[in-house]
């Protein structure tokens, strides 16, 4: 069997008369896909410029967005919403919060991620907060989690402190969330 022209693996594909293994063929195809996407973006830019100069609407071409490939051990947080709060809680915010908590975990801050997930679930489950306060607390938690992933010099320190103070007011108004808040508060304050 022929060997790959790029490495020593067994070739299973041929591209431009060069034998390629599965891995090299995939990398080659990824390069071609990125080049095609770049050409499509260039064409869209030219079409937009032409439309701006002439006033004649021009077609736009969609750049393909491949689905992300997740490899390795992945922990996915799933903040659960019970029947009693469906429609009241912003489920888009819950999805966003799940994503940013996972990003916190992947950035090496597993303790913070676990505490944020637990606090977020407690906010959803509590009966001590009205729906507006729950949504506000979840938005604050999502913002703080997103900031935790950012490099320290890029964090929005003044906004983060304001959000922390607003979140603290919500958390201290409830007895059931206070213990969880006390566990996560020092970690969040250390970010800003």
C-alpha atoms as a PDB file:
ATOM      1  CA  UNK A   1       0.000   0.000   0.000  1.00  0.00           C
ATOM      2  CA  UNK A   2       1.253   3.499  -0.746  1.00  0.00           C
ATOM      3  CA  UNK A   3       2.316   5.767   2.088  1.00  0.00           C
ATOM      4  CA  UNK A   4       1.200   9.324   2.654  1.00  0.00           C
ATOM      5  CA  UNK A   5       3.329  11.947   0.915  1.00  0.00           C
ATOM      6  CA  UNK A   6       3.221  14.095   4.095  1.00  0.00           C
ATOM      7  CA  UNK A   7       3.811  11.493   6.812  1.00  0.00           C
ATOM      8  CA  UNK A   8       4.551   7.788   7.148  1.00  0.00           C
ATOM      9  CA  UNK A   9       0.926   6.604   7.502  1.00  0.00           C
ATOM     10  CA  UNK A  10      -0.881   4.483   4.933  1.00  0.00           C
ATOM     11  CA  UNK A  11      -2.409   6.573   2.155  1.00  0.00           C
ATOM     12  CA  UNK A  12      -6.149   6.219   1.541  1.00  0.00           C
ATOM     13  CA  UNK A  13      -6.793   9.362  -0.507  1.00  0.00           C
ATOM     14  CA  UNK A  14      -5.224  11.152  -3.394  1.00  0.00           C
ATOM     15  CA  UNK A  15      -5.184  14.896  -3.813  1.00  0.00           C
ATOM     16  CA  UNK A  16      -3.381  16.672  -6.648  1.00  0.00           C
ATOM     17  CA  UNK A  17      -1.746  13.349  -7.561  1.00  0.00           C
ATOM     18  CA  UNK A  18      -0.344  13.061  -4.027  1.00  0.00           C
ATOM     19  CA  UNK A  19      -1.252  10.101  -1.799  1.00  0.00           C
ATOM     20  CA  UNK A  20      -2.587  11.213   1.586  1.00  0.00           C
ATOM     21  CA  UNK A  21      -3.540   9.444   4.798  1.00  0.00           C
ATOM     22  CA  UNK A  22      -6.868  10.157   6.470  1.00  0.00           C
ATOM     23  CA  UNK A  23      -5.442  12.807   8.823  1.00  0.00           C
ATOM     24  CA  UNK A  24      -3.512  14.665   6.117  1.00  0.00           C
ATOM     25  CA  UNK A  25      -6.490  14.484   3.751  1.00  0.00           C
ATOM     26  CA  UNK A  26      -8.700  16.005   6.460  1.00  0.00           C
ATOM     27  CA  UNK A  27      -6.214  18.822   7.059  1.00  0.00           C
ATOM     28  CA  UNK A  28      -5.977  19.420   3.304  1.00  0.00           C
ATOM     29  CA  UNK A  29      -9.772  19.576   3.035  1.00  0.00           C
ATOM     30  CA  UNK A  30      -9.930  21.970   6.008  1.00  0.00           C
ATOM     31  CA  UNK A  31      -7.460  24.261   4.226  1.00  0.00           C
ATOM     32  CA  UNK A  32      -9.540  24.149   1.045  1.00  0.00           C
ATOM     33  CA  UNK A  33     -12.697  24.921   3.033  1.00  0.00           C
ATOM     34  CA  UNK A  34     -11.054  27.911   4.748  1.00  0.00           C
ATOM     35  CA  UNK A  35      -9.808  29.194   1.390  1.00  0.00           C
ATOM     36  CA  UNK A  36     -13.304  28.868  -0.090  1.00  0.00           C
ATOM     37  CA  UNK A  37     -14.799  30.729   2.876  1.00  0.00           C
ATOM     38  CA  UNK A  38     -12.205  33.493   2.470  1.00  0.00           C
ATOM     39  CA  UNK A  39     -13.079  33.801  -1.226  1.00  0.00           C
ATOM     40  CA  UNK A  40     -16.787  33.975  -0.374  1.00  0.00           C
ATOM     41  CA  UNK A  41     -16.112  36.745   2.177  1.00  0.00           C
ATOM     42  CA  UNK A  42     -14.039  38.622  -0.427  1.00  0.00           C
ATOM     43  CA  UNK A  43     -16.823  38.262  -2.978  1.00  0.00           C
ATOM     44  CA  UNK A  44     -19.408  39.498  -0.470  1.00  0.00           C
ATOM     45  CA  UNK A  45     -17.197  42.500   0.275  1.00  0.00           C
ATOM     46  CA  UNK A  46     -16.853  43.332  -3.429  1.00  0.00           C
ATOM     47  CA  UNK A  47     -20.601  42.913  -3.946  1.00  0.00           C
ATOM     48  CA  UNK A  48     -21.288  45.224  -0.994  1.00  0.00           C
ATOM     49  CA  UNK A  49     -18.905  47.848  -2.375  1.00  0.00           C
ATOM     50  CA  UNK A  50     -20.517  47.607  -5.807  1.00  0.00           C
ATOM     51  CA  UNK A  51     -23.982  47.933  -4.248  1.00  0.00           C
ATOM     52  CA  UNK A  52     -22.853  50.976  -2.267  1.00  0.00           C
ATOM     53  CA  UNK A  53     -21.474  52.683  -5.392  1.00  0.00           C
ATOM     54  CA  UNK A  54     -24.330  51.868  -7.761  1.00  0.00           C
ATOM     55  CA  UNK A  55     -27.311  51.525  -5.442  1.00  0.00           C
ATOM     56  CA  UNK A  56     -28.239  48.274  -7.191  1.00  0.00           C
ATOM     57  CA  UNK A  57     -28.825  45.416  -4.712  1.00  0.00           C
ATOM     58  CA  UNK A  58     -26.311  42.598  -5.110  1.00  0.00           C
ATOM     59  CA  UNK A  59     -26.579  38.985  -3.941  1.00  0.00           C
ATOM     60  CA  UNK A  60     -24.734  37.807  -0.853  1.00  0.00           C
ATOM     61  CA  UNK A  61     -23.275  34.360  -0.406  1.00  0.00           C
ATOM     62  CA  UNK A  62     -23.411  32.516   2.869  1.00  0.00           C
ATOM     63  CA  UNK A  63     -20.178  31.466   4.523  1.00  0.00           C
ATOM     64  CA  UNK A  64     -20.595  27.941   5.808  1.00  0.00           C
ATOM     65  CA  UNK A  65     -20.354  27.506   9.562  1.00  0.00           C
ATOM     66  CA  UNK A  66     -19.322  23.941  10.364  1.00  0.00           C
ATOM     67  CA  UNK A  67     -20.571  22.359  13.551  1.00  0.00           C
ATOM     68  CA  UNK A  68     -17.925  22.350  16.269  1.00  0.00           C
ATOM     69  CA  UNK A  69     -16.203  19.055  16.900  1.00  0.00           C
ATOM     70  CA  UNK A  70     -15.776  18.191  20.548  1.00  0.00           C
ATOM     71  CA  UNK A  71     -13.084  15.665  21.336  1.00  0.00           C
ATOM     72  CA  UNK A  72     -11.893  14.275  24.627  1.00  0.00           C
ATOM     73  CA  UNK A  73     -13.539  14.355  28.019  1.00  0.00           C
ATOM     74  CA  UNK A  74     -16.250  16.972  28.061  1.00  0.00           C
ATOM     75  CA  UNK A  75     -18.376  17.949  31.024  1.00  0.00           C
ATOM     76  CA  UNK A  76     -21.554  19.697  30.066  1.00  0.00           C
ATOM     77  CA  UNK A  77     -23.511  21.614  32.658  1.00  0.00           C
ATOM     78  CA  UNK A  78     -27.209  21.300  32.338  1.00  0.00           C
ATOM     79  CA  UNK A  79     -29.093  23.752  34.452  1.00  0.00           C
ATOM     80  CA  UNK A  80     -32.524  22.179  34.693  1.00  0.00           C
ATOM     81  CA  UNK A  81     -35.753  24.119  34.454  1.00  0.00           C
ATOM     82  CA  UNK A  82     -38.798  22.586  36.105  1.00  0.00           C
ATOM     83  CA  UNK A  83     -42.322  22.911  34.738  1.00  0.00           C
ATOM     84  CA  UNK A  84     -43.213  25.679  37.155  1.00  0.00           C
ATOM     85  CA  UNK A  85     -40.705  28.172  35.713  1.00  0.00           C
ATOM     86  CA  UNK A  86     -40.800  27.288  32.011  1.00  0.00           C
ATOM     87  CA  UNK A  87     -41.798  30.409  30.126  1.00  0.00           C
ATOM     88  CA  UNK A  88     -40.877  32.645  33.022  1.00  0.00           C
ATOM     89  CA  UNK A  89     -37.113  32.127  33.018  1.00  0.00           C
ATOM     90  CA  UNK A  90     -35.162  33.238  29.967  1.00  0.00           C
ATOM     91  CA  UNK A  91     -34.093  29.868  28.540  1.00  0.00           C
ATOM     92  CA  UNK A  92     -31.691  31.551  26.131  1.00  0.00           C
ATOM     93  CA  UNK A  93     -29.898  32.967  29.156  1.00  0.00           C
ATOM     94  CA  UNK A  94     -29.781  29.468  30.684  1.00  0.00           C
ATOM     95  CA  UNK A  95     -28.196  28.104  27.490  1.00  0.00           C
ATOM     96  CA  UNK A  96     -25.664  30.943  27.466  1.00  0.00           C
ATOM     97  CA  UNK A  97     -24.895  30.341  31.136  1.00  0.00           C
ATOM     98  CA  UNK A  98     -24.300  26.631  30.455  1.00  0.00           C
ATOM     99  CA  UNK A  99     -21.846  27.531  27.693  1.00  0.00           C
ATOM    100  CA  UNK A 100     -19.861  30.047  29.728  1.00  0.00           C
ATOM    101  CA  UNK A 101     -19.715  27.794  32.801  1.00  0.00           C
ATOM    102  CA  UNK A 102     -18.271  25.064  30.562  1.00  0.00           C
ATOM    103  CA  UNK A 103     -15.753  27.588  29.243  1.00  0.00           C
ATOM    104  CA  UNK A 104     -14.772  28.468  32.833  1.00  0.00           C
ATOM    105  CA  UNK A 105     -14.177  24.778  33.542  1.00  0.00           C
ATOM    106  CA  UNK A 106     -12.118  24.352  30.348  1.00  0.00           C
ATOM    107  CA  UNK A 107     -10.008  27.378  31.273  1.00  0.00           C
ATOM    108  CA  UNK A 108      -8.770  25.497  34.354  1.00  0.00           C
ATOM    109  CA  UNK A 109     -11.099  27.027  36.949  1.00  0.00           C
ATOM    110  CA  UNK A 110     -13.045  23.887  37.820  1.00  0.00           C
ATOM    111  CA  UNK A 111     -13.875  24.974  41.385  1.00  0.00           C
ATOM    112  CA  UNK A 112     -15.394  28.241  40.168  1.00  0.00           C
ATOM    113  CA  UNK A 113     -17.311  26.425  37.432  1.00  0.00           C
ATOM    114  CA  UNK A 114     -18.836  23.944  39.888  1.00  0.00           C
ATOM    115  CA  UNK A 115     -19.872  26.677  42.295  1.00  0.00           C
ATOM    116  CA  UNK A 116     -21.332  28.817  39.501  1.00  0.00           C
ATOM    117  CA  UNK A 117     -23.322  25.840  38.189  1.00  0.00           C
ATOM    118  CA  UNK A 118     -24.649  25.040  41.671  1.00  0.00           C
ATOM    119  CA  UNK A 119     -25.564  28.676  42.361  1.00  0.00           C
ATOM    120  CA  UNK A 120     -27.242  29.030  38.957  1.00  0.00           C
ATOM    121  CA  UNK A 121     -29.329  25.909  39.549  1.00  0.00           C
ATOM    122  CA  UNK A 122     -30.281  27.182  42.995  1.00  0.00           C
ATOM    123  CA  UNK A 123     -31.384  30.521  41.509  1.00  0.00           C
ATOM    124  CA  UNK A 124     -33.609  28.710  39.013  1.00  0.00           C
ATOM    125  CA  UNK A 125     -35.077  26.438  41.705  1.00  0.00           C
ATOM    126  CA  UNK A 126     -35.645  28.980  44.495  1.00  0.00           C
ATOM    127  CA  UNK A 127     -39.111  30.208  45.329  1.00  0.00           C
ATOM    128  CA  UNK A 128     -37.719  33.157  47.290  1.00  0.00           C
ATOM    129  CA  UNK A 129     -37.076  35.278  44.185  1.00  0.00           C
ATOM    130  CA  UNK A 130     -39.578  36.715  41.751  1.00  0.00           C
ATOM    131  CA  UNK A 131     -39.054  35.848  38.084  1.00  0.00           C
ATOM    132  CA  UNK A 132     -37.503  39.233  37.246  1.00  0.00           C
ATOM    133  CA  UNK A 133     -34.928  38.842  40.022  1.00  0.00           C
ATOM    134  CA  UNK A 134     -34.122  35.293  38.857  1.00  0.00           C
ATOM    135  CA  UNK A 135     -33.545  36.486  35.303  1.00  0.00           C
ATOM    136  CA  UNK A 136     -31.420  39.374  36.540  1.00  0.00           C
ATOM    137  CA  UNK A 137     -29.319  37.067  38.741  1.00  0.00           C
ATOM    138  CA  UNK A 138     -28.805  34.617  35.866  1.00  0.00           C
ATOM    139  CA  UNK A 139     -27.714  37.446  33.548  1.00  0.00           C
ATOM    140  CA  UNK A 140     -25.253  38.648  36.179  1.00  0.00           C
ATOM    141  CA  UNK A 141     -23.858  35.137  36.681  1.00  0.00           C
ATOM    142  CA  UNK A 142     -23.443  34.669  32.918  1.00  0.00           C
ATOM    143  CA  UNK A 143     -21.583  37.970  32.622  1.00  0.00           C
ATOM    144  CA  UNK A 144     -19.277  37.146  35.531  1.00  0.00           C
ATOM    145  CA  UNK A 145     -18.575  33.656  34.170  1.00  0.00           C
ATOM    146  CA  UNK A 146     -17.747  35.104  30.754  1.00  0.00           C
ATOM    147  CA  UNK A 147     -15.380  37.591  32.356  1.00  0.00           C
ATOM    148  CA  UNK A 148     -13.664  34.795  34.304  1.00  0.00           C
ATOM    149  CA  UNK A 149     -12.610  33.214  31.006  1.00  0.00           C
ATOM    150  CA  UNK A 150     -11.118  36.409  29.620  1.00  0.00           C
ATOM    151  CA  UNK A 151      -7.463  37.221  30.216  1.00  0.00           C
ATOM    152  CA  UNK A 152      -7.021  39.369  33.320  1.00  0.00           C
ATOM    153  CA  UNK A 153      -5.941  42.473  31.390  1.00  0.00           C
ATOM    154  CA  UNK A 154      -9.073  42.298  29.195  1.00  0.00           C
ATOM    155  CA  UNK A 155     -11.649  42.019  31.975  1.00  0.00           C
ATOM    156  CA  UNK A 156     -14.127  44.833  32.461  1.00  0.00           C
ATOM    157  CA  UNK A 157     -13.194  45.593  36.046  1.00  0.00           C
ATOM    158  CA  UNK A 158     -15.538  48.482  36.817  1.00  0.00           C
ATOM    159  CA  UNK A 159     -18.523  46.782  35.173  1.00  0.00           C
ATOM    160  CA  UNK A 160     -17.640  43.532  36.939  1.00  0.00           C
ATOM    161  CA  UNK A 161     -17.643  45.257  40.334  1.00  0.00           C
ATOM    162  CA  UNK A 162     -21.035  46.846  39.630  1.00  0.00           C
ATOM    163  CA  UNK A 163     -22.475  43.481  38.548  1.00  0.00           C
ATOM    164  CA  UNK A 164     -20.999  41.796  41.652  1.00  0.00           C
ATOM    165  CA  UNK A 165     -22.632  44.384  43.927  1.00  0.00           C
ATOM    166  CA  UNK A 166     -25.992  44.010  42.180  1.00  0.00           C
ATOM    167  CA  UNK A 167     -25.780  40.226  42.379  1.00  0.00           C
ATOM    168  CA  UNK A 168     -24.822  40.390  46.056  1.00  0.00           C
ATOM    169  CA  UNK A 169     -27.958  42.423  46.800  1.00  0.00           C
ATOM    170  CA  UNK A 170     -30.111  39.764  45.140  1.00  0.00           C
ATOM    171  CA  UNK A 171     -28.341  36.875  46.868  1.00  0.00           C
ATOM    172  CA  UNK A 172     -28.365  38.379  50.361  1.00  0.00           C
ATOM    173  CA  UNK A 173     -32.105  39.037  50.104  1.00  0.00           C
ATOM    174  CA  UNK A 174     -32.716  35.285  50.164  1.00  0.00           C
ATOM    175  CA  UNK A 175     -31.853  32.863  52.917  1.00  0.00           C
ATOM    176  CA  UNK A 176     -31.646  29.774  50.738  1.00  0.00           C
ATOM    177  CA  UNK A 177     -29.035  31.163  48.334  1.00  0.00           C
ATOM    178  CA  UNK A 178     -26.846  32.818  50.932  1.00  0.00           C
ATOM    179  CA  UNK A 179     -24.710  29.743  51.722  1.00  0.00           C
ATOM    180  CA  UNK A 180     -23.976  29.096  48.030  1.00  0.00           C
ATOM    181  CA  UNK A 181     -23.300  32.786  47.473  1.00  0.00           C
ATOM    182  CA  UNK A 182     -20.821  32.866  50.360  1.00  0.00           C
ATOM    183  CA  UNK A 183     -18.915  29.988  48.718  1.00  0.00           C
ATOM    184  CA  UNK A 184     -18.648  31.596  45.271  1.00  0.00           C
ATOM    185  CA  UNK A 185     -18.313  35.250  46.283  1.00  0.00           C
ATOM    186  CA  UNK A 186     -14.566  35.218  47.134  1.00  0.00           C
ATOM    187  CA  UNK A 187     -13.762  33.521  43.831  1.00  0.00           C
ATOM    188  CA  UNK A 188     -15.756  36.122  41.889  1.00  0.00           C
ATOM    189  CA  UNK A 189     -14.304  39.059  43.837  1.00  0.00           C
ATOM    190  CA  UNK A 190     -10.782  37.814  43.102  1.00  0.00           C
ATOM    191  CA  UNK A 191     -11.487  38.265  39.368  1.00  0.00           C
ATOM    192  CA  UNK A 192     -11.905  42.021  39.703  1.00  0.00           C
END
